[in-house]
Amino acid sequence: METVTHNPTEGVYAATDDYVHALEVRNPQRFLYVAGTMGLENNGEPGATLERQLELLWDNLRAILKSADMTVDNIVRLTSYLRDAAYVEANGAARVKALGDRRIPTTAIIVQTLSEDWLVELEIVAAA
């Protein structure tokens, strides 16, 4: 699989340093569509803080990806669902920490979650 970043600078607003406008995936053999994943402990309880939920969330995503013989390097699209706009910075920092130098198309949406204790949820698409 090959990926090509499309981040035009003419005719569209500039992307910030933490994402790209588009990522072309060439010749993938498989796609993995991951449902919204939350920062829950193994017993289903949400982490006590936003930081803990973000840590758990990325651990949970890594476990799901591993089950498909993938890693965070296979993520090609990410949507964040945040309970509060105040979580944008921490969510972005956690994403950058998890992905390292990789930049992918991302969207953050402020929503009312099904439970008040669920502060953030991520939905991803991965390809291999």
N, C-alpha and C. Protein backbone atom coordinates (compact mmCIF):
# COMPACT_ATOMS: atom_id res chain seq x y z
N MET A 1 0.84 -1.17 0.00
CA MET A 1 0.00 0.00 0.00
C MET A 1 0.89 1.24 0.00
N GLU A 2 0.48 2.20 -0.76
CA GLU A 2 1.19 3.48 -0.82
C GLU A 2 0.20 4.58 -0.46
N THR A 3 0.67 5.58 0.27
CA THR A 3 -0.17 6.75 0.56
C THR A 3 0.49 7.99 -0.01
N VAL A 4 -0.35 8.88 -0.51
CA VAL A 4 0.12 10.14 -1.06
C VAL A 4 -0.68 11.26 -0.40
N THR A 5 0.04 12.20 0.21
CA THR A 5 -0.60 13.33 0.86
C THR A 5 -0.96 14.38 -0.18
N HIS A 6 -2.17 14.89 -0.08
CA HIS A 6 -2.63 15.98 -0.93
C HIS A 6 -2.98 17.14 0.00
N ASN A 7 -2.13 18.12 0.02
CA ASN A 7 -2.29 19.26 0.92
C ASN A 7 -2.09 20.54 0.11
N PRO A 8 -3.02 20.85 -0.80
CA PRO A 8 -2.82 22.01 -1.68
C PRO A 8 -2.73 23.31 -0.90
N THR A 9 -1.99 24.25 -1.47
CA THR A 9 -1.85 25.57 -0.85
C THR A 9 -2.55 26.65 -1.65
N GLU A 10 -3.05 26.30 -2.83
CA GLU A 10 -3.78 27.26 -3.65
C GLU A 10 -5.24 26.81 -3.79
N GLY A 11 -6.15 27.76 -3.69
CA GLY A 11 -7.56 27.47 -3.90
C GLY A 11 -8.27 26.90 -2.70
N VAL A 12 -7.57 26.73 -1.58
CA VAL A 12 -8.18 26.20 -0.36
C VAL A 12 -7.38 26.76 0.82
N TYR A 13 -8.03 26.87 1.95
CA TYR A 13 -7.35 27.36 3.15
C TYR A 13 -6.24 26.39 3.55
N ALA A 14 -5.24 26.90 4.23
CA ALA A 14 -4.09 26.09 4.64
C ALA A 14 -4.47 25.14 5.77
N ALA A 15 -3.98 23.92 5.70
CA ALA A 15 -4.13 22.97 6.80
C ALA A 15 -3.16 23.37 7.91
N THR A 16 -3.52 23.10 9.14
CA THR A 16 -2.60 23.34 10.25
C THR A 16 -1.58 22.21 10.30
N ASP A 17 -0.61 22.33 11.18
CA ASP A 17 0.49 21.37 11.24
C ASP A 17 0.09 19.97 11.71
N ASP A 18 -1.12 19.81 12.27
CA ASP A 18 -1.47 18.52 12.86
C ASP A 18 -2.38 17.65 12.01
N TYR A 19 -2.69 18.07 10.77
CA TYR A 19 -3.49 17.23 9.89
C TYR A 19 -3.21 17.61 8.44
N VAL A 20 -3.75 16.82 7.50
CA VAL A 20 -3.66 17.13 6.07
C VAL A 20 -5.08 17.15 5.50
N HIS A 21 -5.22 17.85 4.38
CA HIS A 21 -6.54 17.91 3.74
C HIS A 21 -6.98 16.53 3.23
N ALA A 22 -6.07 15.80 2.60
CA ALA A 22 -6.45 14.53 2.00
C ALA A 22 -5.27 13.57 1.98
N LEU A 23 -5.59 12.29 2.04
CA LEU A 23 -4.58 11.24 1.96
C LEU A 23 -5.08 10.21 0.97
N GLU A 24 -4.39 10.09 -0.14
CA GLU A 24 -4.75 9.10 -1.16
C GLU A 24 -4.13 7.76 -0.77
N VAL A 25 -4.93 6.71 -0.82
CA VAL A 25 -4.45 5.36 -0.51
C VAL A 25 -4.42 4.58 -1.82
N ARG A 26 -3.21 4.22 -2.23
CA ARG A 26 -3.06 3.49 -3.49
C ARG A 26 -2.80 2.01 -3.22
N ASN A 27 -3.52 1.19 -3.93
CA ASN A 27 -3.35 -0.27 -3.90
C ASN A 27 -3.48 -0.89 -2.52
N PRO A 28 -4.49 -0.51 -1.75
CA PRO A 28 -4.67 -1.20 -0.48
C PRO A 28 -5.22 -2.60 -0.73
N GLN A 29 -4.85 -3.52 0.12
CA GLN A 29 -5.41 -4.87 0.03
C GLN A 29 -6.60 -5.02 0.97
N ARG A 30 -6.62 -4.22 2.06
CA ARG A 30 -7.72 -4.31 3.00
C ARG A 30 -7.96 -2.98 3.69
N PHE A 31 -9.20 -2.79 4.10
CA PHE A 31 -9.60 -1.64 4.91
C PHE A 31 -10.19 -2.15 6.21
N LEU A 32 -9.98 -1.40 7.27
CA LEU A 32 -10.58 -1.70 8.57
C LEU A 32 -11.34 -0.46 9.02
N TYR A 33 -12.64 -0.59 9.20
CA TYR A 33 -13.49 0.50 9.66
C TYR A 33 -13.78 0.26 11.13
N VAL A 34 -13.32 1.16 11.98
CA VAL A 34 -13.45 0.97 13.43
C VAL A 34 -14.56 1.86 13.96
N ALA A 35 -15.50 1.26 14.65
CA ALA A 35 -16.60 2.00 15.28
C ALA A 35 -16.06 3.00 16.28
N GLY A 36 -16.88 3.94 16.66
CA GLY A 36 -16.47 4.89 17.69
C GLY A 36 -15.93 4.16 18.90
N THR A 37 -14.71 4.50 19.28
CA THR A 37 -14.02 3.84 20.38
C THR A 37 -13.81 4.86 21.49
N MET A 38 -14.05 4.44 22.72
CA MET A 38 -14.01 5.37 23.85
C MET A 38 -12.87 5.03 24.80
N GLY A 39 -12.65 5.93 25.72
CA GLY A 39 -11.62 5.77 26.74
C GLY A 39 -12.16 5.02 27.94
N LEU A 40 -12.47 3.75 27.73
CA LEU A 40 -13.02 2.92 28.79
C LEU A 40 -11.99 1.91 29.26
N GLU A 41 -12.02 1.64 30.55
CA GLU A 41 -11.20 0.57 31.13
C GLU A 41 -11.73 -0.77 30.64
N ASN A 42 -10.99 -1.85 30.88
CA ASN A 42 -11.42 -3.19 30.45
C ASN A 42 -12.78 -3.58 31.06
N ASN A 43 -13.10 -3.03 32.22
CA ASN A 43 -14.38 -3.35 32.86
C ASN A 43 -15.53 -2.48 32.34
N GLY A 44 -15.24 -1.61 31.35
CA GLY A 44 -16.28 -0.77 30.76
C GLY A 44 -16.46 0.57 31.43
N GLU A 45 -15.73 0.83 32.50
CA GLU A 45 -15.84 2.11 33.19
C GLU A 45 -14.99 3.16 32.48
N PRO A 46 -15.50 4.38 32.34
CA PRO A 46 -14.72 5.44 31.70
C PRO A 46 -13.57 5.90 32.59
N GLY A 47 -12.47 6.31 31.96
CA GLY A 47 -11.37 6.89 32.71
C GLY A 47 -11.86 8.10 33.49
N ALA A 48 -11.23 8.37 34.62
CA ALA A 48 -11.71 9.42 35.53
C ALA A 48 -11.47 10.83 35.01
N THR A 49 -10.48 11.00 34.13
CA THR A 49 -10.16 12.33 33.61
C THR A 49 -10.09 12.28 32.09
N LEU A 50 -10.11 13.45 31.47
CA LEU A 50 -9.96 13.51 30.02
C LEU A 50 -8.63 12.88 29.60
N GLU A 51 -7.56 13.20 30.29
CA GLU A 51 -6.25 12.66 29.94
C GLU A 51 -6.25 11.14 30.02
N ARG A 52 -6.87 10.58 31.06
CA ARG A 52 -6.93 9.11 31.20
C ARG A 52 -7.78 8.51 30.08
N GLN A 53 -8.89 9.16 29.74
CA GLN A 53 -9.72 8.64 28.66
C GLN A 53 -8.98 8.66 27.33
N LEU A 54 -8.22 9.71 27.08
CA LEU A 54 -7.44 9.76 25.83
C LEU A 54 -6.37 8.67 25.80
N GLU A 55 -5.73 8.43 26.93
CA GLU A 55 -4.74 7.35 27.02
C GLU A 55 -5.39 5.99 26.76
N LEU A 56 -6.50 5.74 27.43
CA LEU A 56 -7.23 4.48 27.25
C LEU A 56 -7.73 4.34 25.82
N LEU A 57 -8.25 5.41 25.26
CA LEU A 57 -8.79 5.39 23.91
C LEU A 57 -7.73 4.92 22.92
N TRP A 58 -6.54 5.51 22.98
CA TRP A 58 -5.48 5.10 22.06
C TRP A 58 -4.99 3.69 22.35
N ASP A 59 -4.97 3.27 23.63
CA ASP A 59 -4.63 1.87 23.95
C ASP A 59 -5.67 0.93 23.35
N ASN A 60 -6.96 1.30 23.46
CA ASN A 60 -8.04 0.48 22.91
C ASN A 60 -7.94 0.40 21.39
N LEU A 61 -7.64 1.53 20.75
CA LEU A 61 -7.47 1.51 19.29
C LEU A 61 -6.29 0.63 18.88
N ARG A 62 -5.20 0.71 19.62
CA ARG A 62 -4.04 -0.14 19.30
C ARG A 62 -4.41 -1.63 19.40
N ALA A 63 -5.20 -1.98 20.42
CA ALA A 63 -5.63 -3.38 20.58
C ALA A 63 -6.51 -3.82 19.41
N ILE A 64 -7.43 -2.96 18.99
CA ILE A 64 -8.31 -3.28 17.86
C ILE A 64 -7.48 -3.43 16.59
N LEU A 65 -6.57 -2.49 16.35
CA LEU A 65 -5.71 -2.56 15.17
C LEU A 65 -4.85 -3.81 15.19
N LYS A 66 -4.30 -4.15 16.36
CA LYS A 66 -3.46 -5.35 16.48
C LYS A 66 -4.24 -6.60 16.10
N SER A 67 -5.53 -6.64 16.45
CA SER A 67 -6.34 -7.82 16.12
C SER A 67 -6.47 -8.01 14.61
N ALA A 68 -6.23 -6.94 13.85
CA ALA A 68 -6.27 -7.00 12.38
C ALA A 68 -4.86 -6.95 11.79
N ASP A 69 -3.85 -7.23 12.62
CA ASP A 69 -2.45 -7.15 12.19
C ASP A 69 -2.10 -5.79 11.61
N MET A 70 -2.57 -4.74 12.29
CA MET A 70 -2.29 -3.37 11.90
C MET A 70 -1.77 -2.60 13.11
N THR A 71 -1.27 -1.39 12.86
CA THR A 71 -0.83 -0.48 13.90
C THR A 71 -1.40 0.91 13.61
N VAL A 72 -1.08 1.87 14.44
CA VAL A 72 -1.54 3.24 14.19
C VAL A 72 -0.98 3.77 12.87
N ASP A 73 0.08 3.17 12.37
CA ASP A 73 0.63 3.58 11.07
C ASP A 73 -0.32 3.27 9.91
N ASN A 74 -1.30 2.42 10.16
CA ASN A 74 -2.28 2.07 9.13
C ASN A 74 -3.49 3.00 9.11
N ILE A 75 -3.62 3.87 10.10
CA ILE A 75 -4.77 4.77 10.16
C ILE A 75 -4.66 5.78 9.02
N VAL A 76 -5.75 5.89 8.25
CA VAL A 76 -5.77 6.83 7.12
C VAL A 76 -6.86 7.88 7.26
N ARG A 77 -7.71 7.79 8.28
CA ARG A 77 -8.78 8.76 8.50
C ARG A 77 -9.22 8.67 9.95
N LEU A 78 -9.49 9.84 10.57
CA LEU A 78 -9.89 9.87 11.97
C LEU A 78 -10.94 10.95 12.20
N THR A 79 -11.99 10.58 12.92
CA THR A 79 -13.01 11.54 13.33
C THR A 79 -13.09 11.51 14.85
N SER A 80 -12.98 12.68 15.47
CA SER A 80 -13.09 12.81 16.93
C SER A 80 -14.45 13.38 17.28
N TYR A 81 -15.09 12.78 18.26
CA TYR A 81 -16.35 13.28 18.79
C TYR A 81 -16.07 13.72 20.23
N LEU A 82 -16.15 15.02 20.47
CA LEU A 82 -15.80 15.59 21.78
C LEU A 82 -17.05 16.11 22.48
N ARG A 83 -17.15 15.84 23.75
CA ARG A 83 -18.31 16.31 24.52
C ARG A 83 -18.25 17.82 24.75
N ASP A 84 -17.04 18.40 24.72
CA ASP A 84 -16.87 19.81 25.01
C ASP A 84 -15.77 20.38 24.13
N ALA A 85 -15.97 21.58 23.61
CA ALA A 85 -14.96 22.22 22.77
C ALA A 85 -13.65 22.44 23.52
N ALA A 86 -13.71 22.50 24.83
CA ALA A 86 -12.50 22.68 25.64
C ALA A 86 -11.55 21.49 25.52
N TYR A 87 -12.01 20.37 24.96
CA TYR A 87 -11.18 19.17 24.84
C TYR A 87 -10.36 19.13 23.56
N VAL A 88 -10.54 20.10 22.68
CA VAL A 88 -9.90 20.08 21.37
C VAL A 88 -8.38 20.00 21.48
N GLU A 89 -7.79 20.83 22.30
CA GLU A 89 -6.32 20.87 22.40
C GLU A 89 -5.76 19.55 22.93
N ALA A 90 -6.32 19.03 24.00
CA ALA A 90 -5.83 17.77 24.57
C ALA A 90 -6.01 16.62 23.60
N ASN A 91 -7.15 16.60 22.90
CA ASN A 91 -7.40 15.56 21.91
C ASN A 91 -6.38 15.62 20.78
N GLY A 92 -6.12 16.83 20.28
CA GLY A 92 -5.14 16.99 19.22
C GLY A 92 -3.75 16.57 19.66
N ALA A 93 -3.36 16.94 20.88
CA ALA A 93 -2.05 16.56 21.40
C ALA A 93 -1.93 15.04 21.53
N ALA A 94 -3.00 14.38 21.98
CA ALA A 94 -2.97 12.92 22.11
C ALA A 94 -2.85 12.26 20.74
N ARG A 95 -3.54 12.82 19.75
CA ARG A 95 -3.45 12.28 18.39
C ARG A 95 -2.04 12.42 17.84
N VAL A 96 -1.45 13.59 17.99
CA VAL A 96 -0.09 13.82 17.49
C VAL A 96 0.89 12.90 18.22
N LYS A 97 0.71 12.73 19.52
CA LYS A 97 1.58 11.81 20.28
C LYS A 97 1.45 10.38 19.76
N ALA A 98 0.22 9.96 19.50
CA ALA A 98 -0.02 8.58 19.05
C ALA A 98 0.50 8.34 17.63
N LEU A 99 0.36 9.33 16.76
CA LEU A 99 0.72 9.13 15.35
C LEU A 99 2.14 9.57 15.02
N GLY A 100 2.82 10.23 15.94
CA GLY A 100 4.18 10.69 15.67
C GLY A 100 4.17 11.72 14.55
N ASP A 101 5.04 11.53 13.58
CA ASP A 101 5.16 12.49 12.47
C ASP A 101 4.09 12.31 11.39
N ARG A 102 3.30 11.25 11.47
CA ARG A 102 2.27 11.03 10.44
C ARG A 102 1.15 12.03 10.58
N ARG A 103 0.69 12.55 9.46
CA ARG A 103 -0.45 13.45 9.44
C ARG A 103 -1.50 12.85 8.52
N ILE A 104 -2.73 12.82 9.01
CA ILE A 104 -3.84 12.22 8.27
C ILE A 104 -5.02 13.19 8.26
N PRO A 105 -6.00 12.95 7.40
CA PRO A 105 -7.21 13.77 7.46
C PRO A 105 -7.96 13.51 8.77
N THR A 106 -8.33 14.58 9.44
CA THR A 106 -9.05 14.46 10.71
C THR A 106 -10.20 15.46 10.75
N THR A 107 -11.19 15.13 11.54
CA THR A 107 -12.31 16.02 11.80
C THR A 107 -12.65 15.91 13.27
N ALA A 108 -12.94 17.03 13.91
CA ALA A 108 -13.40 17.02 15.29
C ALA A 108 -14.80 17.62 15.32
N ILE A 109 -15.69 16.95 16.03
CA ILE A 109 -17.09 17.36 16.12
C ILE A 109 -17.47 17.43 17.59
N ILE A 110 -18.14 18.49 17.99
CA ILE A 110 -18.63 18.61 19.36
C ILE A 110 -20.03 18.01 19.41
N VAL A 111 -20.23 17.04 20.32
CA VAL A 111 -21.49 16.29 20.36
C VAL A 111 -21.95 16.08 21.80
N GLN A 112 -23.17 15.67 21.93
CA GLN A 112 -23.66 15.18 23.21
C GLN A 112 -23.50 13.67 23.17
N THR A 113 -22.66 13.12 24.04
CA THR A 113 -22.43 11.67 24.04
C THR A 113 -23.58 10.96 24.74
N LEU A 114 -23.65 9.66 24.54
CA LEU A 114 -24.72 8.87 25.14
C LEU A 114 -24.64 8.83 26.66
N SER A 115 -23.44 8.99 27.18
CA SER A 115 -23.24 9.04 28.63
C SER A 115 -22.42 10.29 28.94
N GLU A 116 -22.79 11.01 29.98
CA GLU A 116 -22.05 12.21 30.37
C GLU A 116 -20.60 11.91 30.72
N ASP A 117 -20.31 10.68 31.11
CA ASP A 117 -18.95 10.29 31.49
C ASP A 117 -18.05 10.03 30.30
N TRP A 118 -18.61 9.88 29.11
CA TRP A 118 -17.82 9.65 27.91
C TRP A 118 -17.43 11.01 27.35
N LEU A 119 -16.17 11.37 27.49
CA LEU A 119 -15.71 12.71 27.13
C LEU A 119 -15.24 12.81 25.69
N VAL A 120 -14.77 11.72 25.13
CA VAL A 120 -14.23 11.72 23.77
C VAL A 120 -14.41 10.33 23.17
N GLU A 121 -14.65 10.31 21.88
CA GLU A 121 -14.80 9.06 21.14
C GLU A 121 -14.11 9.26 19.78
N LEU A 122 -13.38 8.25 19.34
CA LEU A 122 -12.70 8.32 18.04
C LEU A 122 -13.21 7.23 17.13
N GLU A 123 -13.35 7.58 15.86
CA GLU A 123 -13.73 6.65 14.81
C GLU A 123 -12.61 6.72 13.77
N ILE A 124 -12.11 5.55 13.36
CA ILE A 124 -11.00 5.55 12.40
C ILE A 124 -11.27 4.63 11.21
N VAL A 125 -10.51 4.88 10.16
CA VAL A 125 -10.41 3.97 9.03
C VAL A 125 -8.92 3.67 8.89
N ALA A 126 -8.60 2.39 8.75
CA ALA A 126 -7.21 1.97 8.56
C ALA A 126 -7.14 1.17 7.26
N ALA A 127 -5.97 1.16 6.67
CA ALA A 127 -5.77 0.44 5.40
C ALA A 127 -4.43 -0.25 5.43
N ALA A 128 -4.37 -1.37 4.73
CA ALA A 128 -3.10 -2.12 4.62
C ALA A 128 -2.98 -2.68 3.22
